[in-house]
PDB file of N, CA and C in Angstrom:
ATOM      1  N   MET A   1    -109.906  -3.883  47.886  1.00  0.00           N
ATOM      2  CA  MET A   1    -110.929  -3.389  48.772  1.00  0.00           C
ATOM      3  C   MET A   1    -112.276  -3.537  48.073  1.00  0.00           C
ATOM      4  N   TRP A   2    -113.297  -3.954  48.824  1.00  0.00           N
ATOM      5  CA  TRP A   2    -114.637  -4.072  48.278  1.00  0.00           C
ATOM      6  C   TRP A   2    -115.627  -3.696  49.365  1.00  0.00           C
ATOM      7  N   THR A   3    -116.866  -3.411  48.972  1.00  0.00           N
ATOM      8  CA  THR A   3    -117.874  -3.022  49.949  1.00  0.00           C
ATOM      9  C   THR A   3    -118.931  -4.096  50.064  1.00  0.00           C
ATOM     10  N   LYS A   4    -119.492  -4.181  51.230  1.00  0.00           N
ATOM     11  CA  LYS A   4    -120.549  -5.150  51.506  1.00  0.00           C
ATOM     12  C   LYS A   4    -121.682  -4.393  52.192  1.00  0.00           C
ATOM     13  N   PRO A   5    -122.935  -4.562  51.753  1.00  0.00           N
ATOM     14  CA  PRO A   5    -124.028  -3.855  52.423  1.00  0.00           C
ATOM     15  C   PRO A   5    -124.208  -4.363  53.846  1.00  0.00           C
ATOM     16  N   ALA A   6    -124.401  -3.452  54.743  1.00  0.00           N
ATOM     17  CA  ALA A   6    -124.673  -3.804  56.137  1.00  0.00           C
ATOM     18  C   ALA A   6    -126.169  -3.639  56.358  1.00  0.00           C
ATOM     19  N   ALA A   7    -126.905  -4.711  56.184  1.00  0.00           N
ATOM     20  CA  ALA A   7    -128.369  -4.669  56.161  1.00  0.00           C
ATOM     21  C   ALA A   7    -128.966  -4.123  57.452  1.00  0.00           C
ATOM     22  N   ASP A   8    -128.387  -4.479  58.593  1.00  0.00           N
ATOM     23  CA  ASP A   8    -129.006  -4.090  59.853  1.00  0.00           C
ATOM     24  C   ASP A   8    -128.860  -2.608  60.172  1.00  0.00           C
ATOM     25  N   ILE A   9    -127.909  -1.906  59.555  1.00  0.00           N
ATOM     26  CA  ILE A   9    -127.745  -0.483  59.837  1.00  0.00           C
ATOM     27  C   ILE A   9    -127.922   0.381  58.603  1.00  0.00           C
ATOM     28  N   GLY A  10    -128.199  -0.230  57.459  1.00  0.00           N
ATOM     29  CA  GLY A  10    -128.465   0.528  56.255  1.00  0.00           C
ATOM     30  C   GLY A  10    -127.272   1.271  55.705  1.00  0.00           C
ATOM     31  N   GLN A  11    -126.076   0.797  55.973  1.00  0.00           N
ATOM     32  CA  GLN A  11    -124.863   1.433  55.488  1.00  0.00           C
ATOM     33  C   GLN A  11    -123.998   0.384  54.815  1.00  0.00           C
ATOM     34  N   GLU A  12    -122.988   0.848  54.102  1.00  0.00           N
ATOM     35  CA  GLU A  12    -122.036  -0.083  53.500  1.00  0.00           C
ATOM     36  C   GLU A  12    -120.824  -0.226  54.405  1.00  0.00           C
ATOM     37  N   VAL A  13    -120.301  -1.414  54.443  1.00  0.00           N
ATOM     38  CA  VAL A  13    -119.098  -1.702  55.209  1.00  0.00           C
ATOM     39  C   VAL A  13    -117.964  -1.899  54.221  1.00  0.00           C
ATOM     40  N   ILE A  14    -116.850  -1.216  54.456  1.00  0.00           N
ATOM     41  CA  ILE A  14    -115.696  -1.344  53.569  1.00  0.00           C
ATOM     42  C   ILE A  14    -114.834  -2.495  54.064  1.00  0.00           C
ATOM     43  N   ILE A  15    -114.528  -3.426  53.174  1.00  0.00           N
ATOM     44  CA  ILE A  15    -113.716  -4.590  53.509  1.00  0.00           C
ATOM     45  C   ILE A  15    -112.344  -4.429  52.864  1.00  0.00           C
ATOM     46  N   HIS A  16    -111.303  -4.480  53.661  1.00  0.00           N
ATOM     47  CA  HIS A  16    -109.931  -4.442  53.162  1.00  0.00           C
ATOM     48  C   HIS A  16    -109.441  -5.882  53.076  1.00  0.00           C
ATOM     49  N   ALA A  17    -109.156  -6.349  51.880  1.00  0.00           N
ATOM     50  CA  ALA A  17    -108.758  -7.745  51.687  1.00  0.00           C
ATOM     51  C   ALA A  17    -107.510  -8.091  52.489  1.00  0.00           C
ATOM     52  N   GLU A  18    -106.572  -7.158  52.585  1.00  0.00           N
ATOM     53  CA  GLU A  18    -105.339  -7.455  53.309  1.00  0.00           C
ATOM     54  C   GLU A  18    -105.500  -7.341  54.829  1.00  0.00           C
ATOM     55  N   ARG A  19    -106.512  -6.621  55.309  1.00  0.00           N
ATOM     56  CA  ARG A  19    -106.784  -6.478  56.737  1.00  0.00           C
ATOM     57  C   ARG A  19    -108.292  -6.595  56.967  1.00  0.00           C
ATOM     58  N   PRO A  20    -108.834  -7.796  56.931  1.00  0.00           N
ATOM     59  CA  PRO A  20    -110.288  -7.937  57.053  1.00  0.00           C
ATOM     60  C   PRO A  20    -110.794  -7.454  58.416  1.00  0.00           C
ATOM     61  N   LEU A  21    -111.907  -6.746  58.382  1.00  0.00           N
ATOM     62  CA  LEU A  21    -112.540  -6.247  59.595  1.00  0.00           C
ATOM     63  C   LEU A  21    -113.835  -7.012  59.832  1.00  0.00           C
ATOM     64  N   LEU A  22    -114.151  -7.254  61.063  1.00  0.00           N
ATOM     65  CA  LEU A  22    -115.420  -7.890  61.379  1.00  0.00           C
ATOM     66  C   LEU A  22    -116.568  -6.902  61.274  1.00  0.00           C
ATOM     67  N   GLU A  23    -116.280  -5.654  61.625  1.00  0.00           N
ATOM     68  CA  GLU A  23    -117.311  -4.632  61.592  1.00  0.00           C
ATOM     69  C   GLU A  23    -116.647  -3.275  61.453  1.00  0.00           C
ATOM     70  N   ASP A  24    -117.280  -2.378  60.701  1.00  0.00           N
ATOM     71  CA  ASP A  24    -116.756  -1.024  60.529  1.00  0.00           C
ATOM     72  C   ASP A  24    -117.913  -0.136  60.109  1.00  0.00           C
ATOM     73  N   PHE A  25    -118.466   0.615  61.054  1.00  0.00           N
ATOM     74  CA  PHE A  25    -119.572   1.510  60.718  1.00  0.00           C
ATOM     75  C   PHE A  25    -119.491   2.763  61.575  1.00  0.00           C
ATOM     76  N   THR A  26    -120.177   3.780  61.133  1.00  0.00           N
ATOM     77  CA  THR A  26    -120.207   5.055  61.832  1.00  0.00           C
ATOM     78  C   THR A  26    -121.597   5.255  62.413  1.00  0.00           C
ATOM     79  N   GLN A  27    -121.655   5.764  63.631  1.00  0.00           N
ATOM     80  CA  GLN A  27    -122.938   6.007  64.278  1.00  0.00           C
ATOM     81  C   GLN A  27    -122.862   7.333  65.031  1.00  0.00           C
ATOM     82  N   ASP A  28    -123.931   8.111  64.957  1.00  0.00           N
ATOM     83  CA  ASP A  28    -123.990   9.355  65.720  1.00  0.00           C
ATOM     84  C   ASP A  28    -124.083   9.015  67.200  1.00  0.00           C
ATOM     85  N   THR A  29    -123.331   9.762  68.009  1.00  0.00           N
ATOM     86  CA  THR A  29    -123.358   9.556  69.452  1.00  0.00           C
ATOM     87  C   THR A  29    -123.547  10.891  70.150  1.00  0.00           C
ATOM     88  N   SER A  30    -123.998  10.803  71.370  1.00  0.00           N
ATOM     89  CA  SER A  30    -124.088  11.959  72.248  1.00  0.00           C
ATOM     90  C   SER A  30    -123.169  11.655  73.424  1.00  0.00           C
ATOM     91  N   THR A  31    -122.241  12.557  73.705  1.00  0.00           N
ATOM     92  CA  THR A  31    -121.280  12.317  74.782  1.00  0.00           C
ATOM     93  C   THR A  31    -121.376  13.431  75.813  1.00  0.00           C
ATOM     94  N   ARG A  32    -121.459  13.035  77.068  1.00  0.00           N
ATOM     95  CA  ARG A  32    -121.524  13.980  78.187  1.00  0.00           C
ATOM     96  C   ARG A  32    -120.314  13.718  79.074  1.00  0.00           C
ATOM     97  N   PHE A  33    -119.612  14.773  79.458  1.00  0.00           N
ATOM     98  CA  PHE A  33    -118.456  14.652  80.335  1.00  0.00           C
ATOM     99  C   PHE A  33    -118.838  15.212  81.700  1.00  0.00           C
ATOM    100  N   VAL A  34    -118.621  14.415  82.749  1.00  0.00           N
ATOM    101  CA  VAL A  34    -118.941  14.858  84.106  1.00  0.00           C
ATOM    102  C   VAL A  34    -117.772  14.557  85.035  1.00  0.00           C
ATOM    103  N   SER A  35    -117.541  15.467  85.964  1.00  0.00           N
ATOM    104  CA  SER A  35    -116.546  15.278  87.023  1.00  0.00           C
ATOM    105  C   SER A  35    -117.229  15.624  88.338  1.00  0.00           C
ATOM    106  N   PHE A  36    -116.997  14.818  89.348  1.00  0.00           N
ATOM    107  CA  PHE A  36    -117.599  15.082  90.650  1.00  0.00           C
ATOM    108  C   PHE A  36    -116.796  14.357  91.720  1.00  0.00           C
ATOM    109  N   THR A  37    -116.977  14.804  92.944  1.00  0.00           N
ATOM    110  CA  THR A  37    -116.394  14.093  94.071  1.00  0.00           C
ATOM    111  C   THR A  37    -117.535  13.456  94.845  1.00  0.00           C
ATOM    112  N   ALA A  38    -117.295  12.251  95.267  1.00  0.00           N
ATOM    113  CA  ALA A  38    -118.255  11.508  96.077  1.00  0.00           C
ATOM    114  C   ALA A  38    -117.467  10.954  97.248  1.00  0.00           C
ATOM    115  N   GLY A  39    -117.802  11.398  98.435  1.00  0.00           N
ATOM    116  CA  GLY A  39    -116.997  11.007  99.580  1.00  0.00           C
ATOM    117  C   GLY A  39    -115.593  11.555  99.407  1.00  0.00           C
ATOM    118  N   SER A  40    -114.618  10.689  99.462  1.00  0.00           N
ATOM    119  CA  SER A  40    -113.223  11.124  99.302  1.00  0.00           C
ATOM    120  C   SER A  40    -112.680  10.804  97.916  1.00  0.00           C
ATOM    121  N   HIS A  41    -113.560  10.430  96.993  1.00  0.00           N
ATOM    122  CA  HIS A  41    -113.105  10.020  95.665  1.00  0.00           C
ATOM    123  C   HIS A  41    -113.566  10.992  94.594  1.00  0.00           C
ATOM    124  N   ARG A  42    -112.712  11.197  93.605  1.00  0.00           N
ATOM    125  CA  ARG A  42    -113.046  12.041  92.462  1.00  0.00           C
ATOM    126  C   ARG A  42    -113.298  11.129  91.259  1.00  0.00           C
ATOM    127  N   PHE A  43    -114.371  11.410  90.545  1.00  0.00           N
ATOM    128  CA  PHE A  43    -114.715  10.647  89.349  1.00  0.00           C
ATOM    129  C   PHE A  43    -114.738  11.580  88.148  1.00  0.00           C
ATOM    130  N   GLU A  44    -114.129  11.146  87.069  1.00  0.00           N
ATOM    131  CA  GLU A  44    -114.171  11.852  85.791  1.00  0.00           C
ATOM    132  C   GLU A  44    -114.671  10.846  84.768  1.00  0.00           C
ATOM    133  N   LEU A  45    -115.880  11.088  84.268  1.00  0.00           N
ATOM    134  CA  LEU A  45    -116.541  10.121  83.400  1.00  0.00           C
ATOM    135  C   LEU A  45    -116.945  10.747  82.073  1.00  0.00           C
ATOM    136  N   ALA A  46    -116.964   9.927  81.047  1.00  0.00           N
ATOM    137  CA  ALA A  46    -117.595  10.270  79.777  1.00  0.00           C
ATOM    138  C   ALA A  46    -118.755   9.299  79.623  1.00  0.00           C
ATOM    139  N   LEU A  47    -119.929   9.821  79.303  1.00  0.00           N
ATOM    140  CA  LEU A  47    -121.127   8.995  79.130  1.00  0.00           C
ATOM    141  C   LEU A  47    -121.589   9.131  77.689  1.00  0.00           C
ATOM    142  N   MET A  48    -121.549   8.028  76.962  1.00  0.00           N
ATOM    143  CA  MET A  48    -121.901   8.023  75.538  1.00  0.00           C
ATOM    144  C   MET A  48    -123.210   7.282  75.313  1.00  0.00           C
ATOM    145  N   LYS A  49    -124.083   7.903  74.529  1.00  0.00           N
ATOM    146  CA  LYS A  49    -125.341   7.265  74.136  1.00  0.00           C
ATOM    147  C   LYS A  49    -125.350   7.114  72.625  1.00  0.00           C
ATOM    148  N   ALA A  50    -125.781   5.948  72.160  1.00  0.00           N
ATOM    149  CA  ALA A  50    -125.896   5.665  70.726  1.00  0.00           C
ATOM    150  C   ALA A  50    -126.945   4.579  70.539  1.00  0.00           C
ATOM    151  N   ASP A  51    -127.555   4.553  69.366  1.00  0.00           N
ATOM    152  CA  ASP A  51    -128.579   3.545  69.076  1.00  0.00           C
ATOM    153  C   ASP A  51    -128.045   2.122  69.207  1.00  0.00           C
ATOM    154  N   CYS A  52    -126.790   1.914  68.867  1.00  0.00           N
ATOM    155  CA  CYS A  52    -126.232   0.557  68.892  1.00  0.00           C
ATOM    156  C   CYS A  52    -126.017   0.026  70.313  1.00  0.00           C
ATOM    157  N   PHE A  53    -126.185   0.858  71.343  1.00  0.00           N
ATOM    158  CA  PHE A  53    -125.987   0.411  72.721  1.00  0.00           C
ATOM    159  C   PHE A  53    -127.260  -0.156  73.352  1.00  0.00           C
ATOM    160  N   ASP A  54    -128.341  -0.276  72.601  1.00  0.00           N
ATOM    161  CA  ASP A  54    -129.576  -0.905  73.094  1.00  0.00           C
ATOM    162  C   ASP A  54    -130.046  -0.346  74.439  1.00  0.00           C
ATOM    163  N   ASN A  55    -130.273   0.948  74.494  1.00  0.00           N
ATOM    164  CA  ASN A  55    -130.790   1.631  75.694  1.00  0.00           C
ATOM    165  C   ASN A  55    -129.850   1.565  76.891  1.00  0.00           C
ATOM    166  N   GLN A  56    -128.597   1.295  76.642  1.00  0.00           N
ATOM    167  CA  GLN A  56    -127.602   1.368  77.700  1.00  0.00           C
ATOM    168  C   GLN A  56    -126.697   2.562  77.405  1.00  0.00           C
ATOM    169  N   THR A  57    -125.908   2.947  78.387  1.00  0.00           N
ATOM    170  CA  THR A  57    -124.976   4.058  78.239  1.00  0.00           C
ATOM    171  C   THR A  57    -123.562   3.531  78.410  1.00  0.00           C
ATOM    172  N   MET A  58    -122.684   3.884  77.489  1.00  0.00           N
ATOM    173  CA  MET A  58    -121.274   3.532  77.628  1.00  0.00           C
ATOM    174  C   MET A  58    -120.665   4.538  78.606  1.00  0.00           C
ATOM    175  N   VAL A  59    -120.274   4.045  79.767  1.00  0.00           N
ATOM    176  CA  VAL A  59    -119.667   4.890  80.790  1.00  0.00           C
ATOM    177  C   VAL A  59    -118.173   4.611  80.786  1.00  0.00           C
ATOM    178  N   ILE A  60    -117.389   5.667  80.603  1.00  0.00           N
ATOM    179  CA  ILE A  60    -115.936   5.533  80.538  1.00  0.00           C
ATOM    180  C   ILE A  60    -115.336   6.266  81.726  1.00  0.00           C
ATOM    181  N   ASN A  61    -114.591   5.549  82.539  1.00  0.00           N
ATOM    182  CA  ASN A  61    -113.845   6.151  83.636  1.00  0.00           C
ATOM    183  C   ASN A  61    -112.539   6.646  83.021  1.00  0.00           C
ATOM    184  N   LEU A  62    -112.437   7.934  82.796  1.00  0.00           N
ATOM    185  CA  LEU A  62    -111.322   8.488  82.032  1.00  0.00           C
ATOM    186  C   LEU A  62    -109.955   8.271  82.684  1.00  0.00           C
ATOM    187  N   PRO A  63    -109.763   8.543  83.976  1.00  0.00           N
ATOM    188  CA  PRO A  63    -108.426   8.337  84.555  1.00  0.00           C
ATOM    189  C   PRO A  63    -107.977   6.876  84.554  1.00  0.00           C
ATOM    190  N   LYS A  64    -108.923   5.952  84.732  1.00  0.00           N
ATOM    191  CA  LYS A  64    -108.560   4.533  84.793  1.00  0.00           C
ATOM    192  C   LYS A  64    -108.638   3.837  83.439  1.00  0.00           C
ATOM    193  N   ASN A  65    -109.164   4.544  82.426  1.00  0.00           N
ATOM    194  CA  ASN A  65    -109.298   3.975  81.086  1.00  0.00           C
ATOM    195  C   ASN A  65    -110.065   2.650  81.116  1.00  0.00           C
ATOM    196  N   ARG A  66    -111.178   2.651  81.843  1.00  0.00           N
ATOM    197  CA  ARG A  66    -112.059   1.483  81.930  1.00  0.00           C
ATOM    198  C   ARG A  66    -113.439   1.907  81.466  1.00  0.00           C
ATOM    199  N   GLN A  67    -114.178   0.999  80.822  1.00  0.00           N
ATOM    200  CA  GLN A  67    -115.505   1.338  80.335  1.00  0.00           C
ATOM    201  C   GLN A  67    -116.457   0.167  80.507  1.00  0.00           C
ATOM    202  N   ALA A  68    -117.751   0.517  80.534  1.00  0.00           N
ATOM    203  CA  ALA A  68    -118.789  -0.507  80.657  1.00  0.00           C
ATOM    204  C   ALA A  68    -120.089   0.042  80.092  1.00  0.00           C
ATOM    205  N   LEU A  69    -120.893  -0.849  79.527  1.00  0.00           N
ATOM    206  CA  LEU A  69    -122.253  -0.498  79.128  1.00  0.00           C
ATOM    207  C   LEU A  69    -123.138  -0.671  80.357  1.00  0.00           C
ATOM    208  N   LEU A  70    -123.764   0.420  80.782  1.00  0.00           N
ATOM    209  CA  LEU A  70    -124.542   0.384  82.017  1.00  0.00           C
ATOM    210  C   LEU A  70    -125.973   0.845  81.791  1.00  0.00           C
ATOM    211  N   ASP A  71    -126.859   0.330  82.640  1.00  0.00           N
ATOM    212  CA  ASP A  71    -128.238   0.795  82.696  1.00  0.00           C
ATOM    213  C   ASP A  71    -128.665   0.753  84.164  1.00  0.00           C
ATOM    214  N   LEU A  72    -129.891   1.170  84.436  1.00  0.00           N
ATOM    215  CA  LEU A  72    -130.345   1.242  85.826  1.00  0.00           C
ATOM    216  C   LEU A  72    -130.382  -0.118  86.504  1.00  0.00           C
ATOM    217  N   GLU A  73    -130.516  -1.174  85.728  1.00  0.00           N
ATOM    218  CA  GLU A  73    -130.564  -2.523  86.304  1.00  0.00           C
ATOM    219  C   GLU A  73    -129.172  -3.024  86.706  1.00  0.00           C
ATOM    220  N   ASN A  74    -128.210  -2.925  85.792  1.00  0.00           N
ATOM    221  CA  ASN A  74    -126.923  -3.555  86.098  1.00  0.00           C
ATOM    222  C   ASN A  74    -126.019  -2.727  87.014  1.00  0.00           C
ATOM    223  N   ILE A  75    -126.331  -1.447  87.252  1.00  0.00           N
ATOM    224  CA  ILE A  75    -125.495  -0.702  88.207  1.00  0.00           C
ATOM    225  C   ILE A  75    -125.703  -1.208  89.626  1.00  0.00           C
ATOM    226  N   ASN A  76    -126.833  -1.862  89.875  1.00  0.00           N
ATOM    227  CA  ASN A  76    -127.106  -2.384  91.213  1.00  0.00           C
ATOM    228  C   ASN A  76    -126.756  -3.856  91.372  1.00  0.00           C
ATOM    229  N   ARG A  77    -126.245  -4.481  90.324  1.00  0.00           N
ATOM    230  CA  ARG A  77    -125.834  -5.877  90.411  1.00  0.00           C
ATOM    231  C   ARG A  77    -124.593  -5.969  91.307  1.00  0.00           C
ATOM    232  N   ALA A  78    -124.622  -6.866  92.248  1.00  0.00           N
ATOM    233  CA  ALA A  78    -123.528  -7.008  93.216  1.00  0.00           C
ATOM    234  C   ALA A  78    -122.192  -7.225  92.516  1.00  0.00           C
ATOM    235  N   GLY A  79    -121.225  -6.395  92.834  1.00  0.00           N
ATOM    236  CA  GLY A  79    -119.869  -6.545  92.320  1.00  0.00           C
ATOM    237  C   GLY A  79    -119.645  -6.059  90.903  1.00  0.00           C
ATOM    238  N   HIS A  80    -120.700  -5.614  90.219  1.00  0.00           N
ATOM    239  CA  HIS A  80    -120.555  -5.248  88.800  1.00  0.00           C
ATOM    240  C   HIS A  80    -119.678  -4.007  88.612  1.00  0.00           C
ATOM    241  N   LEU A  81    -119.999  -2.924  89.299  1.00  0.00           N
ATOM    242  CA  LEU A  81    -119.185  -1.712  89.157  1.00  0.00           C
ATOM    243  C   LEU A  81    -117.760  -1.940  89.658  1.00  0.00           C
ATOM    244  N   GLU A  82    -117.646  -2.688  90.746  1.00  0.00           N
ATOM    245  CA  GLU A  82    -116.324  -2.979  91.296  1.00  0.00           C
ATOM    246  C   GLU A  82    -115.453  -3.677  90.256  1.00  0.00           C
ATOM    247  N   HIS A  83    -116.020  -4.652  89.587  1.00  0.00           N
ATOM    248  CA  HIS A  83    -115.269  -5.419  88.592  1.00  0.00           C
ATOM    249  C   HIS A  83    -114.984  -4.592  87.337  1.00  0.00           C
ATOM    250  N   MET A  84    -116.013  -3.967  86.780  1.00  0.00           N
ATOM    251  CA  MET A  84    -115.856  -3.271  85.501  1.00  0.00           C
ATOM    252  C   MET A  84    -114.914  -2.076  85.590  1.00  0.00           C
ATOM    253  N   PHE A  85    -114.928  -1.370  86.721  1.00  0.00           N
ATOM    254  CA  PHE A  85    -114.109  -0.166  86.853  1.00  0.00           C
ATOM    255  C   PHE A  85    -112.939  -0.336  87.819  1.00  0.00           C
ATOM    256  N   GLN A  86    -112.724  -1.555  88.315  1.00  0.00           N
ATOM    257  CA  GLN A  86    -111.652  -1.836  89.274  1.00  0.00           C
ATOM    258  C   GLN A  86    -111.728  -0.873  90.460  1.00  0.00           C
ATOM    259  N   LEU A  87    -112.882  -0.871  91.116  1.00  0.00           N
ATOM    260  CA  LEU A  87    -113.136   0.019  92.247  1.00  0.00           C
ATOM    261  C   LEU A  87    -113.234  -0.781  93.536  1.00  0.00           C
ATOM    262  N   SER A  88    -112.933  -0.111  94.638  1.00  0.00           N
ATOM    263  CA  SER A  88    -113.193  -0.722  95.938  1.00  0.00           C
ATOM    264  C   SER A  88    -114.703  -0.706  96.170  1.00  0.00           C
ATOM    265  N   THR A  89    -115.149  -1.440  97.165  1.00  0.00           N
ATOM    266  CA  THR A  89    -116.576  -1.467  97.489  1.00  0.00           C
ATOM    267  C   THR A  89    -117.073  -0.070  97.838  1.00  0.00           C
ATOM    268  N   MET A  90    -116.277   0.685  98.591  1.00  0.00           N
ATOM    269  CA  MET A  90    -116.665   2.039  98.983  1.00  0.00           C
ATOM    270  C   MET A  90    -116.757   2.961  97.760  1.00  0.00           C
ATOM    271  N   GLU A  91    -115.768   2.894  96.870  1.00  0.00           N
ATOM    272  CA  GLU A  91    -115.792   3.718  95.655  1.00  0.00           C
ATOM    273  C   GLU A  91    -117.009   3.383  94.797  1.00  0.00           C
ATOM    274  N   ALA A  92    -117.299   2.096  94.658  1.00  0.00           N
ATOM    275  CA  ALA A  92    -118.434   1.666  93.838  1.00  0.00           C
ATOM    276  C   ALA A  92    -119.750   2.164  94.423  1.00  0.00           C
ATOM    277  N   GLU A  93    -119.897   2.112  95.734  1.00  0.00           N
ATOM    278  CA  GLU A  93    -121.124   2.606  96.369  1.00  0.00           C
ATOM    279  C   GLU A  93    -121.279   4.108  96.152  1.00  0.00           C
ATOM    280  N   GLU A  94    -120.180   4.842  96.229  1.00  0.00           N
ATOM    281  CA  GLU A  94    -120.239   6.288  95.997  1.00  0.00           C
ATOM    282  C   GLU A  94    -120.628   6.586  94.554  1.00  0.00           C
ATOM    283  N   LEU A  95    -120.055   5.854  93.613  1.00  0.00           N
ATOM    284  CA  LEU A  95    -120.401   6.033  92.202  1.00  0.00           C
ATOM    285  C   LEU A  95    -121.855   5.644  91.952  1.00  0.00           C
ATOM    286  N   ARG A  96    -122.288   4.575  92.590  1.00  0.00           N
ATOM    287  CA  ARG A  96    -123.650   4.066  92.418  1.00  0.00           C
ATOM    288  C   ARG A  96    -124.705   5.105  92.818  1.00  0.00           C
ATOM    289  N   THR A  97    -124.379   5.990  93.758  1.00  0.00           N
ATOM    290  CA  THR A  97    -125.348   7.013  94.170  1.00  0.00           C
ATOM    291  C   THR A  97    -125.541   8.077  93.091  1.00  0.00           C
ATOM    292  N   TYR A  98    -124.537   8.309  92.253  1.00  0.00           N
ATOM    293  CA  TYR A  98    -124.624   9.325  91.201  1.00  0.00           C
ATOM    294  C   TYR A  98    -125.175   8.782  89.882  1.00  0.00           C
ATOM    295  N   LEU A  99    -124.887   7.544  89.566  1.00  0.00           N
ATOM    296  CA  LEU A  99    -125.200   7.017  88.236  1.00  0.00           C
ATOM    297  C   LEU A  99    -126.676   7.072  87.825  1.00  0.00           C
ATOM    298  N   PRO A 100    -127.636   6.807  88.698  1.00  0.00           N
ATOM    299  CA  PRO A 100    -129.029   6.866  88.233  1.00  0.00           C
ATOM    300  C   PRO A 100    -129.406   8.216  87.620  1.00  0.00           C
ATOM    301  N   ASP A 101    -128.899   9.299  88.162  1.00  0.00           N
ATOM    302  CA  ASP A 101    -129.200  10.629  87.619  1.00  0.00           C
ATOM    303  C   ASP A 101    -128.441  10.907  86.331  1.00  0.00           C
ATOM    304  N   LEU A 102    -127.318  10.235  86.123  1.00  0.00           N
ATOM    305  CA  LEU A 102    -126.497  10.480  84.938  1.00  0.00           C
ATOM    306  C   LEU A 102    -126.917   9.633  83.747  1.00  0.00           C
ATOM    307  N   LEU A 103    -127.425   8.434  84.019  1.00  0.00           N
ATOM    308  CA  LEU A 103    -127.802   7.547  82.921  1.00  0.00           C
ATOM    309  C   LEU A 103    -129.113   7.994  82.316  1.00  0.00           C
TER     310      LEU A 103
END
């Protein structure tokens, strides 16, 4: 095992010779858990913010175990929420009404 400086984050990365890692660092995060019903659908989400997400929020759909980095721009991209969270068009529209206030 040896360490390599990670210049972009100011930390050291531990390299295991027998199991090389591409990246291994720790970052402080803020996580918010929200549950709500929209129309006839229930959503349970975890929203994580961290510096490494470049002003986006990691949104995790807990029951479906699906996640996406979202911001105010890409939540309105046609088909994006449907694809990332495996939602119907109706479910995605209902989620889309809540996300701007949550992000």
